[in-house]
Amino acid sequence: MTIVYKKAIRDKIPEIIKDSGKECKILTLSDEEFLIELEKKIQEEYEEYLESKSIEELADIWEIIMKIIELKQSSLDELNLIRLTKKQKRGGFEKNLFLINTY
């Protein structure tokens, strides 16, 4: 029985599939193509997190974010600088504030 996935996967998944006695067809995408697929994958992982509330799903999201940063030729340091700049201008989320409305 063939199951069609058509999604970005972690590097060791083909090996894991073969170790389970199954075969798989894999493509190696260009950086540009893979970035598009990672943007889809992050949505999938986010939805899984919302369903499970699992820290493991957050780890998957973080792994995807790290690869997106690399593909965008940036760095964790640059991302953190952007985060800190936004935090300085607009604040963080330390106070657990929830906006009801404005008038």
N, C-alpha and C. Protein backbone atom coordinates (compact mmCIF):
# COMPACT_ATOMS: atom_id res chain seq x y z
N MET A 1 0.84 -1.18 0.00
CA MET A 1 0.00 0.00 0.00
C MET A 1 0.89 1.25 0.00
N THR A 2 0.65 2.14 -0.92
CA THR A 2 1.41 3.38 -1.04
C THR A 2 0.69 4.50 -0.30
N ILE A 3 1.43 5.19 0.55
CA ILE A 3 0.91 6.37 1.24
C ILE A 3 1.68 7.57 0.70
N VAL A 4 0.97 8.58 0.23
CA VAL A 4 1.59 9.78 -0.32
C VAL A 4 1.66 10.85 0.76
N TYR A 5 2.85 11.39 1.00
CA TYR A 5 3.04 12.42 2.02
C TYR A 5 3.32 13.79 1.41
N LYS A 6 4.28 13.87 0.51
CA LYS A 6 4.69 15.13 -0.12
C LYS A 6 4.90 16.24 0.91
N LYS A 7 5.90 16.05 1.78
CA LYS A 7 6.19 17.05 2.80
C LYS A 7 7.67 17.00 3.18
N ALA A 8 8.16 18.08 3.72
CA ALA A 8 9.53 18.15 4.22
C ALA A 8 9.67 17.19 5.40
N ILE A 9 10.82 16.52 5.45
CA ILE A 9 11.07 15.58 6.53
C ILE A 9 12.46 15.80 7.11
N ARG A 10 12.66 15.26 8.31
CA ARG A 10 13.98 15.30 8.94
C ARG A 10 14.94 14.36 8.20
N ASP A 11 16.23 14.60 8.35
CA ASP A 11 17.27 13.90 7.59
C ASP A 11 17.30 12.39 7.78
N LYS A 12 16.96 11.91 8.96
CA LYS A 12 17.08 10.47 9.24
C LYS A 12 15.80 9.70 8.97
N ILE A 13 14.75 10.36 8.51
CA ILE A 13 13.48 9.68 8.26
C ILE A 13 13.60 8.58 7.19
N PRO A 14 14.31 8.79 6.07
CA PRO A 14 14.44 7.70 5.10
C PRO A 14 15.07 6.45 5.71
N GLU A 15 16.09 6.64 6.54
CA GLU A 15 16.75 5.53 7.21
C GLU A 15 15.78 4.83 8.18
N ILE A 16 15.01 5.60 8.90
CA ILE A 16 14.04 5.03 9.83
C ILE A 16 12.98 4.22 9.08
N ILE A 17 12.54 4.75 7.95
CA ILE A 17 11.55 4.03 7.12
C ILE A 17 12.13 2.71 6.64
N LYS A 18 13.36 2.74 6.13
CA LYS A 18 13.99 1.51 5.63
C LYS A 18 14.22 0.50 6.75
N ASP A 19 14.61 0.99 7.93
CA ASP A 19 14.81 0.10 9.08
C ASP A 19 13.51 -0.58 9.51
N SER A 20 12.38 0.05 9.18
CA SER A 20 11.08 -0.54 9.53
C SER A 20 10.61 -1.55 8.48
N GLY A 21 11.43 -1.77 7.45
CA GLY A 21 11.09 -2.74 6.42
C GLY A 21 10.34 -2.17 5.23
N LYS A 22 10.19 -0.86 5.18
CA LYS A 22 9.48 -0.23 4.07
C LYS A 22 10.47 0.48 3.16
N GLU A 23 9.99 0.87 2.01
CA GLU A 23 10.78 1.65 1.06
C GLU A 23 10.14 3.03 0.91
N CYS A 24 10.91 3.99 0.42
CA CYS A 24 10.36 5.33 0.21
C CYS A 24 11.06 6.00 -0.95
N LYS A 25 10.40 6.95 -1.55
CA LYS A 25 10.97 7.76 -2.62
C LYS A 25 11.21 9.15 -2.05
N ILE A 26 12.42 9.64 -2.20
CA ILE A 26 12.85 10.91 -1.61
C ILE A 26 13.40 11.81 -2.72
N LEU A 27 13.11 13.08 -2.65
CA LEU A 27 13.72 14.08 -3.51
C LEU A 27 14.59 15.00 -2.66
N THR A 28 15.66 15.48 -3.22
CA THR A 28 16.46 16.51 -2.57
C THR A 28 16.12 17.82 -3.26
N LEU A 29 15.55 18.75 -2.49
CA LEU A 29 15.09 20.02 -3.05
C LEU A 29 16.19 21.07 -2.99
N SER A 30 16.07 22.08 -3.82
CA SER A 30 16.95 23.25 -3.72
C SER A 30 16.60 24.00 -2.44
N ASP A 31 17.47 24.89 -2.04
CA ASP A 31 17.19 25.70 -0.84
C ASP A 31 15.89 26.48 -1.00
N GLU A 32 15.67 27.04 -2.18
CA GLU A 32 14.46 27.83 -2.42
C GLU A 32 13.20 26.97 -2.32
N GLU A 33 13.26 25.79 -2.92
CA GLU A 33 12.12 24.87 -2.87
C GLU A 33 11.88 24.37 -1.44
N PHE A 34 12.98 24.06 -0.74
CA PHE A 34 12.85 23.53 0.61
C PHE A 34 12.30 24.59 1.57
N LEU A 35 12.67 25.84 1.37
CA LEU A 35 12.13 26.92 2.21
C LEU A 35 10.60 26.97 2.10
N ILE A 36 10.10 26.84 0.90
CA ILE A 36 8.64 26.83 0.68
C ILE A 36 8.01 25.66 1.44
N GLU A 37 8.64 24.50 1.38
CA GLU A 37 8.10 23.32 2.07
C GLU A 37 8.21 23.45 3.58
N LEU A 38 9.28 24.09 4.06
CA LEU A 38 9.40 24.31 5.51
C LEU A 38 8.33 25.26 6.02
N GLU A 39 7.97 26.24 5.20
CA GLU A 39 6.90 27.16 5.59
C GLU A 39 5.57 26.42 5.72
N LYS A 40 5.36 25.40 4.90
CA LYS A 40 4.18 24.55 5.04
C LYS A 40 4.31 23.67 6.29
N LYS A 41 5.52 23.15 6.50
CA LYS A 41 5.78 22.23 7.62
C LYS A 41 5.59 22.92 8.96
N ILE A 42 5.98 24.17 9.05
CA ILE A 42 5.84 24.88 10.33
C ILE A 42 4.37 25.04 10.68
N GLN A 43 3.52 25.21 9.69
CA GLN A 43 2.07 25.28 9.92
C GLN A 43 1.56 23.94 10.44
N GLU A 44 2.02 22.86 9.82
CA GLU A 44 1.63 21.50 10.25
C GLU A 44 2.04 21.27 11.70
N GLU A 45 3.27 21.62 12.03
CA GLU A 45 3.75 21.41 13.40
C GLU A 45 3.00 22.30 14.40
N TYR A 46 2.67 23.51 13.99
CA TYR A 46 1.91 24.42 14.85
C TYR A 46 0.53 23.83 15.16
N GLU A 47 -0.12 23.29 14.13
CA GLU A 47 -1.43 22.67 14.34
C GLU A 47 -1.32 21.46 15.26
N GLU A 48 -0.24 20.68 15.10
CA GLU A 48 -0.02 19.53 15.99
C GLU A 48 0.20 20.00 17.42
N TYR A 49 0.92 21.12 17.58
CA TYR A 49 1.12 21.66 18.93
C TYR A 49 -0.22 22.08 19.54
N LEU A 50 -1.04 22.78 18.76
CA LEU A 50 -2.33 23.22 19.29
C LEU A 50 -3.18 22.04 19.74
N GLU A 51 -3.08 20.94 19.04
CA GLU A 51 -3.86 19.76 19.39
C GLU A 51 -3.29 19.06 20.62
N SER A 52 -1.99 18.93 20.68
CA SER A 52 -1.36 18.13 21.74
C SER A 52 -0.86 18.94 22.94
N LYS A 53 -0.54 20.21 22.72
CA LYS A 53 0.09 21.08 23.73
C LYS A 53 1.44 20.51 24.20
N SER A 54 2.07 19.72 23.35
CA SER A 54 3.30 19.01 23.70
C SER A 54 4.53 19.88 23.47
N ILE A 55 5.43 19.86 24.44
CA ILE A 55 6.70 20.56 24.30
C ILE A 55 7.51 19.97 23.14
N GLU A 56 7.28 18.69 22.83
CA GLU A 56 7.96 18.03 21.72
C GLU A 56 7.60 18.70 20.39
N GLU A 57 6.35 19.11 20.25
CA GLU A 57 5.95 19.82 19.04
C GLU A 57 6.62 21.19 18.95
N LEU A 58 6.81 21.84 20.10
CA LEU A 58 7.54 23.11 20.10
C LEU A 58 8.98 22.90 19.67
N ALA A 59 9.57 21.78 20.06
CA ALA A 59 10.93 21.45 19.63
C ALA A 59 10.99 21.27 18.12
N ASP A 60 9.96 20.65 17.54
CA ASP A 60 9.90 20.50 16.09
C ASP A 60 9.81 21.87 15.42
N ILE A 61 9.00 22.75 15.96
CA ILE A 61 8.86 24.10 15.42
C ILE A 61 10.20 24.83 15.49
N TRP A 62 10.88 24.69 16.62
CA TRP A 62 12.18 25.34 16.80
C TRP A 62 13.19 24.83 15.78
N GLU A 63 13.20 23.52 15.51
CA GLU A 63 14.11 22.94 14.52
C GLU A 63 13.85 23.53 13.14
N ILE A 64 12.58 23.68 12.80
CA ILE A 64 12.21 24.27 11.51
C ILE A 64 12.64 25.73 11.44
N ILE A 65 12.42 26.46 12.52
CA ILE A 65 12.83 27.86 12.58
C ILE A 65 14.34 27.98 12.37
N MET A 66 15.10 27.11 13.00
CA MET A 66 16.56 27.17 12.86
C MET A 66 16.98 26.96 11.40
N LYS A 67 16.33 26.03 10.70
CA LYS A 67 16.67 25.79 9.30
C LYS A 67 16.22 26.96 8.42
N ILE A 68 15.07 27.53 8.71
CA ILE A 68 14.61 28.70 7.95
C ILE A 68 15.60 29.85 8.11
N ILE A 69 16.07 30.07 9.31
CA ILE A 69 17.07 31.11 9.56
C ILE A 69 18.30 30.87 8.68
N GLU A 70 18.76 29.63 8.63
CA GLU A 70 19.92 29.28 7.81
C GLU A 70 19.65 29.52 6.33
N LEU A 71 18.49 29.08 5.86
CA LEU A 71 18.16 29.24 4.44
C LEU A 71 17.99 30.71 4.06
N LYS A 72 17.63 31.53 5.00
CA LYS A 72 17.50 32.97 4.74
C LYS A 72 18.83 33.69 4.95
N GLN A 73 19.88 32.89 5.12
CA GLN A 73 21.25 33.40 5.31
C GLN A 73 21.31 34.39 6.46
N SER A 74 20.68 34.02 7.54
CA SER A 74 20.68 34.83 8.74
C SER A 74 21.32 33.99 9.86
N SER A 75 21.11 34.43 11.09
CA SER A 75 21.69 33.70 12.22
C SER A 75 20.77 33.83 13.43
N LEU A 76 20.99 32.95 14.38
CA LEU A 76 20.24 33.02 15.63
C LEU A 76 20.54 34.34 16.35
N ASP A 77 21.77 34.81 16.25
CA ASP A 77 22.12 36.10 16.86
C ASP A 77 21.31 37.24 16.24
N GLU A 78 21.17 37.23 14.92
CA GLU A 78 20.38 38.28 14.25
C GLU A 78 18.91 38.19 14.65
N LEU A 79 18.39 36.97 14.68
CA LEU A 79 17.00 36.79 15.10
C LEU A 79 16.80 37.29 16.53
N ASN A 80 17.73 36.99 17.40
CA ASN A 80 17.62 37.42 18.79
C ASN A 80 17.72 38.94 18.90
N LEU A 81 18.56 39.56 18.10
CA LEU A 81 18.67 41.03 18.11
C LEU A 81 17.35 41.66 17.67
N ILE A 82 16.73 41.10 16.63
CA ILE A 82 15.43 41.59 16.17
C ILE A 82 14.39 41.42 17.28
N ARG A 83 14.42 40.25 17.93
CA ARG A 83 13.48 39.98 19.03
C ARG A 83 13.66 41.00 20.16
N LEU A 84 14.90 41.24 20.54
CA LEU A 84 15.17 42.17 21.65
C LEU A 84 14.79 43.60 21.28
N THR A 85 15.03 44.00 20.03
CA THR A 85 14.64 45.33 19.57
C THR A 85 13.14 45.50 19.64
N LYS A 86 12.39 44.49 19.16
CA LYS A 86 10.93 44.54 19.24
C LYS A 86 10.47 44.58 20.70
N LYS A 87 11.13 43.81 21.54
CA LYS A 87 10.77 43.77 22.96
C LYS A 87 10.99 45.13 23.60
N GLN A 88 12.08 45.79 23.24
CA GLN A 88 12.37 47.11 23.79
C GLN A 88 11.33 48.13 23.34
N LYS A 89 10.92 48.08 22.08
CA LYS A 89 9.95 49.05 21.55
C LYS A 89 8.53 48.75 21.98
N ARG A 90 8.13 47.47 22.01
CA ARG A 90 6.73 47.10 22.22
C ARG A 90 6.49 46.27 23.46
N GLY A 91 7.59 45.89 24.14
CA GLY A 91 7.45 45.05 25.33
C GLY A 91 7.48 43.57 24.98
N GLY A 92 7.52 42.76 26.03
CA GLY A 92 7.50 41.31 25.86
C GLY A 92 6.12 40.78 26.20
N PHE A 93 6.09 39.61 26.78
CA PHE A 93 4.83 39.00 27.18
C PHE A 93 4.87 38.59 28.66
N GLU A 94 5.67 39.28 29.45
CA GLU A 94 5.87 38.93 30.85
C GLU A 94 4.62 39.15 31.71
N LYS A 95 3.78 40.11 31.37
CA LYS A 95 2.65 40.48 32.22
C LYS A 95 1.36 39.72 31.90
N ASN A 96 1.40 38.84 30.91
CA ASN A 96 0.22 38.04 30.54
C ASN A 96 -0.99 38.91 30.20
N LEU A 97 -0.78 40.00 29.50
CA LEU A 97 -1.86 40.93 29.17
C LEU A 97 -2.73 40.40 28.04
N PHE A 98 -4.02 40.72 28.09
CA PHE A 98 -5.00 40.25 27.10
C PHE A 98 -5.89 41.43 26.76
N LEU A 99 -5.84 41.90 25.49
CA LEU A 99 -6.61 43.06 25.05
C LEU A 99 -8.04 42.67 24.75
N ILE A 100 -8.97 43.35 25.39
CA ILE A 100 -10.40 43.10 25.16
C ILE A 100 -10.89 43.97 24.01
N ASN A 101 -10.68 45.27 24.09
CA ASN A 101 -11.09 46.17 23.03
C ASN A 101 -10.43 47.52 23.22
N THR A 102 -10.66 48.39 22.27
CA THR A 102 -10.23 49.79 22.38
C THR A 102 -11.43 50.66 22.11
N TYR A 103 -11.41 51.91 22.63
CA TYR A 103 -12.52 52.85 22.40
C TYR A 103 -12.03 54.25 22.59
